[in-house]
């Protein structure tokens, strides 16, 4: 644990976590900033973001703005 922050390591991602990730990403926030908000590692944020992006592309999502890098 870094900086004494309680981490969500091993915790399941909730729909609210996913929404927060996508909203902050669409708003231009870095993976580091999002990791601080969600109290997850940067690697976890990156992996979840790419998972959600790939799932949206497979489903033909109309909401692709959050997935632009």
C-alpha atoms as a PDB file:
ATOM      1  CA  UNK A   1       0.000   0.000   0.000  1.00  0.00           C
ATOM      2  CA  UNK A   2       1.339   3.336  -1.016  1.00  0.00           C
ATOM      3  CA  UNK A   3       0.780   6.531   0.944  1.00  0.00           C
ATOM      4  CA  UNK A   4      -1.373   4.772   3.525  1.00  0.00           C
ATOM      5  CA  UNK A   5      -4.346   4.609   1.161  1.00  0.00           C
ATOM      6  CA  UNK A   6      -6.671   1.679   1.580  1.00  0.00           C
ATOM      7  CA  UNK A   7      -6.636  -0.166  -1.734  1.00  0.00           C
ATOM      8  CA  UNK A   8      -9.384  -2.098  -3.464  1.00  0.00           C
ATOM      9  CA  UNK A   9      -6.944  -4.785  -4.495  1.00  0.00           C
ATOM     10  CA  UNK A  10      -8.853  -7.930  -5.283  1.00  0.00           C
ATOM     11  CA  UNK A  11     -12.228  -6.204  -5.000  1.00  0.00           C
ATOM     12  CA  UNK A  12     -14.753  -6.694  -7.771  1.00  0.00           C
ATOM     13  CA  UNK A  13     -15.403  -3.749 -10.058  1.00  0.00           C
ATOM     14  CA  UNK A  14     -18.869  -2.307  -9.573  1.00  0.00           C
ATOM     15  CA  UNK A  15     -21.006  -0.575 -12.193  1.00  0.00           C
ATOM     16  CA  UNK A  16     -20.345   2.658 -10.315  1.00  0.00           C
ATOM     17  CA  UNK A  17     -16.568   2.065 -10.502  1.00  0.00           C
ATOM     18  CA  UNK A  18     -16.871   1.518 -14.261  1.00  0.00           C
ATOM     19  CA  UNK A  19     -18.934   4.699 -14.698  1.00  0.00           C
ATOM     20  CA  UNK A  20     -16.444   6.712 -12.668  1.00  0.00           C
ATOM     21  CA  UNK A  21     -13.531   5.329 -14.667  1.00  0.00           C
ATOM     22  CA  UNK A  22     -15.184   6.119 -17.998  1.00  0.00           C
ATOM     23  CA  UNK A  23     -16.403   9.577 -16.959  1.00  0.00           C
ATOM     24  CA  UNK A  24     -13.001  10.626 -15.660  1.00  0.00           C
ATOM     25  CA  UNK A  25     -11.233   9.131 -18.680  1.00  0.00           C
ATOM     26  CA  UNK A  26     -13.613  10.967 -21.046  1.00  0.00           C
ATOM     27  CA  UNK A  27     -12.861  14.129 -19.074  1.00  0.00           C
ATOM     28  CA  UNK A  28      -9.167  13.757 -19.826  1.00  0.00           C
ATOM     29  CA  UNK A  29      -7.982  12.487 -16.456  1.00  0.00           C
ATOM     30  CA  UNK A  30      -4.874  10.317 -16.378  1.00  0.00           C
ATOM     31  CA  UNK A  31      -4.857   6.708 -15.261  1.00  0.00           C
ATOM     32  CA  UNK A  32      -2.814   7.871 -12.228  1.00  0.00           C
ATOM     33  CA  UNK A  33      -5.481  10.414 -11.213  1.00  0.00           C
ATOM     34  CA  UNK A  34      -8.251   7.849 -11.660  1.00  0.00           C
ATOM     35  CA  UNK A  35      -6.298   5.290  -9.627  1.00  0.00           C
ATOM     36  CA  UNK A  36      -6.140   7.782  -6.748  1.00  0.00           C
ATOM     37  CA  UNK A  37      -9.907   8.363  -6.925  1.00  0.00           C
ATOM     38  CA  UNK A  38     -10.826   4.669  -7.076  1.00  0.00           C
ATOM     39  CA  UNK A  39      -8.002   3.577  -4.759  1.00  0.00           C
ATOM     40  CA  UNK A  40      -6.779   0.999  -7.239  1.00  0.00           C
ATOM     41  CA  UNK A  41      -3.415   0.503  -8.888  1.00  0.00           C
ATOM     42  CA  UNK A  42      -2.615   2.224 -12.166  1.00  0.00           C
ATOM     43  CA  UNK A  43      -2.245  -1.233 -13.748  1.00  0.00           C
ATOM     44  CA  UNK A  44      -5.739  -2.160 -12.553  1.00  0.00           C
ATOM     45  CA  UNK A  45      -7.173   1.040 -14.040  1.00  0.00           C
ATOM     46  CA  UNK A  46      -5.446   0.408 -17.362  1.00  0.00           C
ATOM     47  CA  UNK A  47      -6.571  -3.220 -17.526  1.00  0.00           C
ATOM     48  CA  UNK A  48     -10.184  -2.355 -16.708  1.00  0.00           C
ATOM     49  CA  UNK A  49     -10.239   0.514 -19.197  1.00  0.00           C
ATOM     50  CA  UNK A  50      -8.988  -1.717 -22.028  1.00  0.00           C
ATOM     51  CA  UNK A  51     -11.423  -4.466 -21.013  1.00  0.00           C
ATOM     52  CA  UNK A  52     -14.359  -2.025 -21.130  1.00  0.00           C
ATOM     53  CA  UNK A  53     -13.149  -0.559 -24.436  1.00  0.00           C
ATOM     54  CA  UNK A  54     -12.858  -3.980 -26.054  1.00  0.00           C
ATOM     55  CA  UNK A  55     -16.272  -5.034 -24.733  1.00  0.00           C
ATOM     56  CA  UNK A  56     -17.874  -1.833 -26.061  1.00  0.00           C
ATOM     57  CA  UNK A  57     -16.331  -2.340 -29.496  1.00  0.00           C
ATOM     58  CA  UNK A  58     -17.559  -5.929 -29.639  1.00  0.00           C
ATOM     59  CA  UNK A  59     -21.057  -4.794 -28.659  1.00  0.00           C
ATOM     60  CA  UNK A  60     -21.010  -1.891 -31.115  1.00  0.00           C
ATOM     61  CA  UNK A  61     -21.409   0.723 -28.391  1.00  0.00           C
ATOM     62  CA  UNK A  62     -22.391   4.223 -29.478  1.00  0.00           C
ATOM     63  CA  UNK A  63     -20.551   5.668 -26.485  1.00  0.00           C
ATOM     64  CA  UNK A  64     -16.989   5.458 -27.703  1.00  0.00           C
ATOM     65  CA  UNK A  65     -15.818   8.933 -26.671  1.00  0.00           C
ATOM     66  CA  UNK A  66     -14.427   7.655 -23.393  1.00  0.00           C
ATOM     67  CA  UNK A  67     -12.329   5.126 -25.262  1.00  0.00           C
ATOM     68  CA  UNK A  68     -10.341   7.580 -27.338  1.00  0.00           C
ATOM     69  CA  UNK A  69      -6.761   7.975 -26.212  1.00  0.00           C
END
